[in-house]
Amino acid sequence: MVGAVRVAALLAAGFVSAPPATADIALAGFLSGSTDALVMGPTGFPDPADYPGYLSTVDQLYLDPLGFEGQSTALTTPETFDFDPSVAQGEQDLISAVTQQYDAGDFSAADPLTIFG
């Protein structure tokens, strides 16, 4: 499972900021082959799907330029300002979502899962 999950290590600040100006052109195909992405929102966005345009903007600005050609799915996580429990629960929610997709055979080394947060 380890090699089949690619983490798009791009952090969205606020709603969705502009893509990094120093993005390396060599990363253009980094997400090639990935057809599924789990998208977590920034602090204060427990369900990214509740914010019109958020998923499509993440795709357009961050994932697509890296070669992603697939479906983004919002991953709901707790958003409280009690940091430690919120992060711990969010971590468990992410692990559970990845494990469920792995157990179902929804991703592989040839079709890796992308995680954006």
N, C-alpha and C. Protein backbone atom coordinates (compact mmCIF):
# COMPACT_ATOMS: atom_id res chain seq x y z
N MET A 1 0.82 -1.19 0.00
CA MET A 1 0.00 0.00 0.00
C MET A 1 0.86 1.25 0.00
N VAL A 2 2.00 1.23 0.61
CA VAL A 2 2.82 2.43 0.77
C VAL A 2 3.15 3.07 -0.58
N GLY A 3 3.56 2.28 -1.58
CA GLY A 3 3.94 2.83 -2.86
C GLY A 3 2.77 3.27 -3.71
N ALA A 4 1.56 2.91 -3.31
CA ALA A 4 0.40 3.20 -4.12
C ALA A 4 -0.34 4.46 -3.69
N VAL A 5 0.14 5.14 -2.70
CA VAL A 5 -0.49 6.37 -2.26
C VAL A 5 0.48 7.51 -2.52
N ARG A 6 0.04 8.49 -3.27
CA ARG A 6 0.86 9.67 -3.50
C ARG A 6 0.20 10.82 -2.78
N VAL A 7 0.95 11.49 -2.00
CA VAL A 7 0.41 12.62 -1.26
C VAL A 7 0.81 13.89 -1.99
N ALA A 8 -0.18 14.63 -2.42
CA ALA A 8 0.09 15.92 -3.05
C ALA A 8 0.38 16.89 -1.91
N ALA A 9 1.63 17.12 -1.68
CA ALA A 9 2.04 17.91 -0.51
C ALA A 9 1.91 19.39 -0.80
N LEU A 10 0.70 19.78 -1.06
CA LEU A 10 0.41 21.18 -1.33
C LEU A 10 -0.61 21.62 -0.30
N LEU A 11 -0.32 22.66 0.41
CA LEU A 11 -1.22 23.10 1.46
C LEU A 11 -2.03 24.29 0.97
N ALA A 12 -3.32 24.20 1.13
CA ALA A 12 -4.20 25.30 0.74
C ALA A 12 -4.32 26.25 1.92
N ALA A 13 -3.98 27.48 1.72
CA ALA A 13 -4.10 28.50 2.77
C ALA A 13 -5.36 29.30 2.49
N GLY A 14 -6.23 29.35 3.47
CA GLY A 14 -7.50 30.04 3.26
C GLY A 14 -8.40 29.19 2.39
N PHE A 15 -9.17 29.79 1.50
CA PHE A 15 -10.09 29.04 0.65
C PHE A 15 -9.30 28.23 -0.35
N VAL A 16 -8.64 28.82 -1.25
CA VAL A 16 -7.68 28.18 -2.15
C VAL A 16 -6.77 29.29 -2.63
N SER A 17 -5.51 29.19 -2.30
CA SER A 17 -4.58 30.23 -2.71
C SER A 17 -4.06 29.91 -4.11
N ALA A 18 -3.34 30.84 -4.67
CA ALA A 18 -2.73 30.62 -5.98
C ALA A 18 -1.69 29.52 -5.86
N PRO A 19 -1.44 28.79 -6.96
CA PRO A 19 -0.43 27.74 -6.90
C PRO A 19 0.94 28.32 -6.60
N PRO A 20 1.82 27.53 -6.00
CA PRO A 20 3.14 28.04 -5.68
C PRO A 20 3.86 28.58 -6.91
N ALA A 21 4.40 29.78 -6.80
CA ALA A 21 5.08 30.40 -7.93
C ALA A 21 6.35 29.66 -8.29
N THR A 22 6.91 28.91 -7.36
CA THR A 22 8.17 28.22 -7.61
C THR A 22 7.95 26.76 -7.97
N ALA A 23 6.73 26.40 -8.40
CA ALA A 23 6.44 25.00 -8.75
C ALA A 23 7.43 24.52 -9.79
N ASP A 24 7.98 23.37 -9.54
CA ASP A 24 8.98 22.79 -10.42
C ASP A 24 8.31 22.14 -11.63
N ILE A 25 8.71 22.53 -12.82
CA ILE A 25 8.16 21.97 -14.05
C ILE A 25 8.36 20.46 -14.09
N ALA A 26 9.40 19.95 -13.47
CA ALA A 26 9.67 18.51 -13.46
C ALA A 26 8.56 17.73 -12.75
N LEU A 27 7.75 18.38 -11.96
CA LEU A 27 6.66 17.70 -11.26
C LEU A 27 5.40 17.58 -12.12
N ALA A 28 5.42 18.06 -13.35
CA ALA A 28 4.23 18.10 -14.20
C ALA A 28 3.52 16.76 -14.31
N GLY A 29 4.21 15.64 -14.28
CA GLY A 29 3.57 14.34 -14.40
C GLY A 29 3.51 13.55 -13.10
N PHE A 30 3.78 14.20 -11.99
CA PHE A 30 3.86 13.52 -10.69
C PHE A 30 2.61 12.71 -10.38
N LEU A 31 1.43 13.21 -10.73
CA LEU A 31 0.18 12.52 -10.40
C LEU A 31 -0.38 11.72 -11.58
N SER A 32 0.40 11.55 -12.64
CA SER A 32 -0.07 10.77 -13.79
C SER A 32 -0.45 9.37 -13.35
N GLY A 33 -1.58 8.90 -13.85
CA GLY A 33 -2.05 7.57 -13.51
C GLY A 33 -3.02 7.56 -12.36
N SER A 34 -3.04 8.60 -11.56
CA SER A 34 -3.96 8.67 -10.43
C SER A 34 -5.33 9.11 -10.92
N THR A 35 -6.36 8.33 -10.58
CA THR A 35 -7.71 8.66 -11.02
C THR A 35 -8.65 8.99 -9.86
N ASP A 36 -8.15 8.91 -8.64
CA ASP A 36 -8.96 9.24 -7.46
C ASP A 36 -8.15 10.10 -6.50
N ALA A 37 -8.80 11.14 -5.97
CA ALA A 37 -8.16 12.00 -4.98
C ALA A 37 -9.10 12.24 -3.81
N LEU A 38 -8.55 12.15 -2.62
CA LEU A 38 -9.27 12.55 -1.41
C LEU A 38 -8.82 13.96 -1.09
N VAL A 39 -9.77 14.87 -0.95
CA VAL A 39 -9.45 16.28 -0.72
C VAL A 39 -9.98 16.70 0.64
N MET A 40 -9.06 17.15 1.49
CA MET A 40 -9.42 17.69 2.80
C MET A 40 -9.37 19.20 2.71
N GLY A 41 -10.26 19.85 3.43
CA GLY A 41 -10.28 21.31 3.44
C GLY A 41 -9.34 21.88 4.48
N PRO A 42 -9.08 23.17 4.38
CA PRO A 42 -8.25 23.84 5.39
C PRO A 42 -9.04 24.01 6.68
N THR A 43 -8.40 24.52 7.70
CA THR A 43 -9.06 24.76 8.98
C THR A 43 -10.34 25.56 8.76
N GLY A 44 -11.41 25.07 9.35
CA GLY A 44 -12.69 25.73 9.22
C GLY A 44 -13.56 25.19 8.10
N PHE A 45 -13.05 24.24 7.31
CA PHE A 45 -13.80 23.64 6.20
C PHE A 45 -13.97 22.15 6.50
N PRO A 46 -14.90 21.76 7.36
CA PRO A 46 -15.03 20.34 7.71
C PRO A 46 -15.40 19.47 6.50
N ASP A 47 -16.21 20.00 5.59
CA ASP A 47 -16.59 19.25 4.39
C ASP A 47 -16.37 20.15 3.18
N PRO A 48 -15.28 19.93 2.44
CA PRO A 48 -14.98 20.79 1.29
C PRO A 48 -16.11 20.85 0.26
N ALA A 49 -16.95 19.81 0.20
CA ALA A 49 -18.05 19.79 -0.77
C ALA A 49 -19.11 20.85 -0.44
N ASP A 50 -19.11 21.35 0.79
CA ASP A 50 -20.08 22.37 1.19
C ASP A 50 -19.73 23.75 0.63
N TYR A 51 -18.56 23.89 0.03
CA TYR A 51 -18.10 25.17 -0.48
C TYR A 51 -18.06 25.11 -2.00
N PRO A 52 -19.04 25.73 -2.67
CA PRO A 52 -19.12 25.65 -4.13
C PRO A 52 -17.81 26.03 -4.80
N GLY A 53 -17.38 25.19 -5.69
CA GLY A 53 -16.18 25.45 -6.46
C GLY A 53 -14.89 25.01 -5.81
N TYR A 54 -14.91 24.61 -4.55
CA TYR A 54 -13.66 24.26 -3.88
C TYR A 54 -12.96 23.08 -4.55
N LEU A 55 -13.68 21.98 -4.76
CA LEU A 55 -13.06 20.79 -5.36
C LEU A 55 -12.57 21.08 -6.77
N SER A 56 -13.38 21.75 -7.57
CA SER A 56 -12.96 22.03 -8.95
C SER A 56 -11.77 22.99 -8.98
N THR A 57 -11.70 23.91 -8.02
CA THR A 57 -10.57 24.83 -7.96
C THR A 57 -9.29 24.10 -7.55
N VAL A 58 -9.41 23.18 -6.58
CA VAL A 58 -8.25 22.37 -6.19
C VAL A 58 -7.75 21.58 -7.40
N ASP A 59 -8.68 20.97 -8.13
CA ASP A 59 -8.29 20.22 -9.34
C ASP A 59 -7.57 21.13 -10.32
N GLN A 60 -8.19 22.25 -10.64
CA GLN A 60 -7.67 23.14 -11.67
C GLN A 60 -6.31 23.75 -11.31
N LEU A 61 -6.16 24.21 -10.07
CA LEU A 61 -4.93 24.91 -9.69
C LEU A 61 -3.80 24.00 -9.23
N TYR A 62 -4.14 22.87 -8.63
CA TYR A 62 -3.10 22.05 -8.01
C TYR A 62 -2.94 20.66 -8.62
N LEU A 63 -4.03 19.91 -8.75
CA LEU A 63 -3.90 18.52 -9.16
C LEU A 63 -3.70 18.36 -10.66
N ASP A 64 -4.55 18.99 -11.46
CA ASP A 64 -4.44 18.84 -12.92
C ASP A 64 -3.06 19.23 -13.47
N PRO A 65 -2.46 20.35 -13.01
CA PRO A 65 -1.13 20.69 -13.53
C PRO A 65 -0.06 19.64 -13.21
N LEU A 66 -0.33 18.77 -12.23
CA LEU A 66 0.63 17.72 -11.89
C LEU A 66 0.30 16.39 -12.58
N GLY A 67 -0.67 16.41 -13.50
CA GLY A 67 -0.98 15.22 -14.28
C GLY A 67 -2.18 14.43 -13.81
N PHE A 68 -2.89 14.91 -12.81
CA PHE A 68 -4.07 14.20 -12.29
C PHE A 68 -5.19 14.27 -13.31
N GLU A 69 -5.78 13.12 -13.57
CA GLU A 69 -6.92 13.05 -14.49
C GLU A 69 -7.96 12.13 -13.88
N GLY A 70 -8.71 12.64 -12.93
CA GLY A 70 -9.66 11.77 -12.28
C GLY A 70 -10.72 12.51 -11.50
N GLN A 71 -11.24 11.83 -10.51
CA GLN A 71 -12.35 12.31 -9.69
C GLN A 71 -11.84 12.69 -8.30
N SER A 72 -12.15 13.90 -7.87
CA SER A 72 -11.82 14.33 -6.52
C SER A 72 -13.04 14.13 -5.63
N THR A 73 -12.78 13.63 -4.42
CA THR A 73 -13.84 13.39 -3.46
C THR A 73 -13.50 14.14 -2.17
N ALA A 74 -14.49 14.84 -1.65
CA ALA A 74 -14.28 15.57 -0.40
C ALA A 74 -14.19 14.58 0.76
N LEU A 75 -13.22 14.78 1.63
CA LEU A 75 -13.08 13.99 2.85
C LEU A 75 -13.46 14.88 4.02
N THR A 76 -14.55 14.53 4.67
CA THR A 76 -15.02 15.30 5.82
C THR A 76 -14.16 14.99 7.04
N THR A 77 -13.68 16.03 7.68
CA THR A 77 -12.86 15.88 8.89
C THR A 77 -13.40 16.83 9.95
N PRO A 78 -13.14 16.54 11.21
CA PRO A 78 -13.64 17.44 12.27
C PRO A 78 -12.90 18.77 12.20
N GLU A 79 -13.60 19.81 12.43
CA GLU A 79 -12.98 21.14 12.43
C GLU A 79 -13.37 21.86 13.69
N THR A 80 -12.63 21.60 14.74
CA THR A 80 -12.86 22.32 15.98
C THR A 80 -11.58 23.09 16.29
N PHE A 81 -11.69 24.02 17.16
CA PHE A 81 -10.51 24.79 17.52
C PHE A 81 -9.82 24.20 18.75
N ASP A 82 -10.22 22.98 19.10
CA ASP A 82 -9.54 22.19 20.12
C ASP A 82 -8.54 21.33 19.34
N PHE A 83 -7.39 21.87 19.06
CA PHE A 83 -6.44 21.37 18.07
C PHE A 83 -6.08 19.89 18.21
N ASP A 84 -5.62 19.46 19.36
CA ASP A 84 -5.14 18.09 19.49
C ASP A 84 -6.20 17.04 19.18
N PRO A 85 -7.39 17.10 19.77
CA PRO A 85 -8.41 16.09 19.45
C PRO A 85 -8.87 16.18 17.99
N SER A 86 -8.94 17.40 17.46
CA SER A 86 -9.37 17.59 16.07
C SER A 86 -8.39 16.94 15.10
N VAL A 87 -7.10 17.16 15.32
CA VAL A 87 -6.06 16.57 14.46
C VAL A 87 -6.07 15.05 14.60
N ALA A 88 -6.17 14.55 15.81
CA ALA A 88 -6.17 13.10 16.03
C ALA A 88 -7.36 12.44 15.33
N GLN A 89 -8.54 13.05 15.42
CA GLN A 89 -9.72 12.47 14.77
C GLN A 89 -9.60 12.59 13.25
N GLY A 90 -9.09 13.72 12.76
CA GLY A 90 -8.89 13.89 11.32
C GLY A 90 -7.93 12.86 10.77
N GLU A 91 -6.87 12.58 11.52
CA GLU A 91 -5.90 11.56 11.12
C GLU A 91 -6.57 10.20 11.02
N GLN A 92 -7.39 9.85 12.00
CA GLN A 92 -8.10 8.57 11.97
C GLN A 92 -9.09 8.50 10.81
N ASP A 93 -9.76 9.62 10.51
CA ASP A 93 -10.70 9.66 9.38
C ASP A 93 -9.97 9.43 8.07
N LEU A 94 -8.79 10.03 7.92
CA LEU A 94 -8.00 9.85 6.70
C LEU A 94 -7.52 8.40 6.59
N ILE A 95 -6.99 7.86 7.66
CA ILE A 95 -6.52 6.46 7.65
C ILE A 95 -7.66 5.52 7.29
N SER A 96 -8.83 5.76 7.87
CA SER A 96 -9.99 4.93 7.59
C SER A 96 -10.40 5.01 6.12
N ALA A 97 -10.42 6.21 5.55
CA ALA A 97 -10.80 6.38 4.15
C ALA A 97 -9.81 5.68 3.22
N VAL A 98 -8.52 5.82 3.50
CA VAL A 98 -7.50 5.16 2.68
C VAL A 98 -7.61 3.65 2.82
N THR A 99 -7.78 3.17 4.03
CA THR A 99 -7.89 1.72 4.27
C THR A 99 -9.10 1.14 3.56
N GLN A 100 -10.23 1.84 3.61
CA GLN A 100 -11.44 1.36 2.92
C GLN A 100 -11.20 1.25 1.42
N GLN A 101 -10.57 2.26 0.83
CA GLN A 101 -10.31 2.21 -0.62
C GLN A 101 -9.30 1.11 -0.94
N TYR A 102 -8.31 0.94 -0.10
CA TYR A 102 -7.31 -0.11 -0.31
C TYR A 102 -7.96 -1.50 -0.24
N ASP A 103 -8.76 -1.72 0.81
CA ASP A 103 -9.43 -3.01 0.97
C ASP A 103 -10.37 -3.32 -0.18
N ALA A 104 -10.96 -2.29 -0.77
CA ALA A 104 -11.88 -2.46 -1.89
C ALA A 104 -11.14 -2.61 -3.22
N GLY A 105 -9.81 -2.45 -3.20
CA GLY A 105 -9.02 -2.56 -4.42
C GLY A 105 -9.18 -1.36 -5.34
N ASP A 106 -9.53 -0.20 -4.76
CA ASP A 106 -9.79 0.99 -5.57
C ASP A 106 -8.53 1.72 -6.03
N PHE A 107 -7.36 1.33 -5.54
CA PHE A 107 -6.13 1.92 -6.04
C PHE A 107 -5.01 0.90 -6.00
N SER A 108 -3.98 1.18 -6.78
CA SER A 108 -2.84 0.26 -6.90
C SER A 108 -1.61 1.08 -7.29
N ALA A 109 -0.49 0.40 -7.48
CA ALA A 109 0.72 1.10 -7.91
C ALA A 109 0.52 1.76 -9.28
N ALA A 110 -0.29 1.13 -10.14
CA ALA A 110 -0.55 1.68 -11.47
C ALA A 110 -1.60 2.77 -11.43
N ASP A 111 -2.46 2.78 -10.43
CA ASP A 111 -3.53 3.76 -10.28
C ASP A 111 -3.51 4.25 -8.83
N PRO A 112 -2.52 5.06 -8.47
CA PRO A 112 -2.35 5.46 -7.06
C PRO A 112 -3.44 6.41 -6.59
N LEU A 113 -3.64 6.44 -5.31
CA LEU A 113 -4.57 7.34 -4.66
C LEU A 113 -3.84 8.64 -4.33
N THR A 114 -4.45 9.77 -4.67
CA THR A 114 -3.88 11.06 -4.35
C THR A 114 -4.62 11.63 -3.13
N ILE A 115 -3.85 12.21 -2.22
CA ILE A 115 -4.43 12.85 -1.03
C ILE A 115 -3.99 14.31 -1.05
N PHE A 116 -4.96 15.22 -0.95
CA PHE A 116 -4.67 16.65 -0.97
C PHE A 116 -5.21 17.28 0.29
N GLY A 117 -4.40 18.11 0.92
CA GLY A 117 -4.88 18.81 2.11
C GLY A 117 -4.12 20.07 2.34
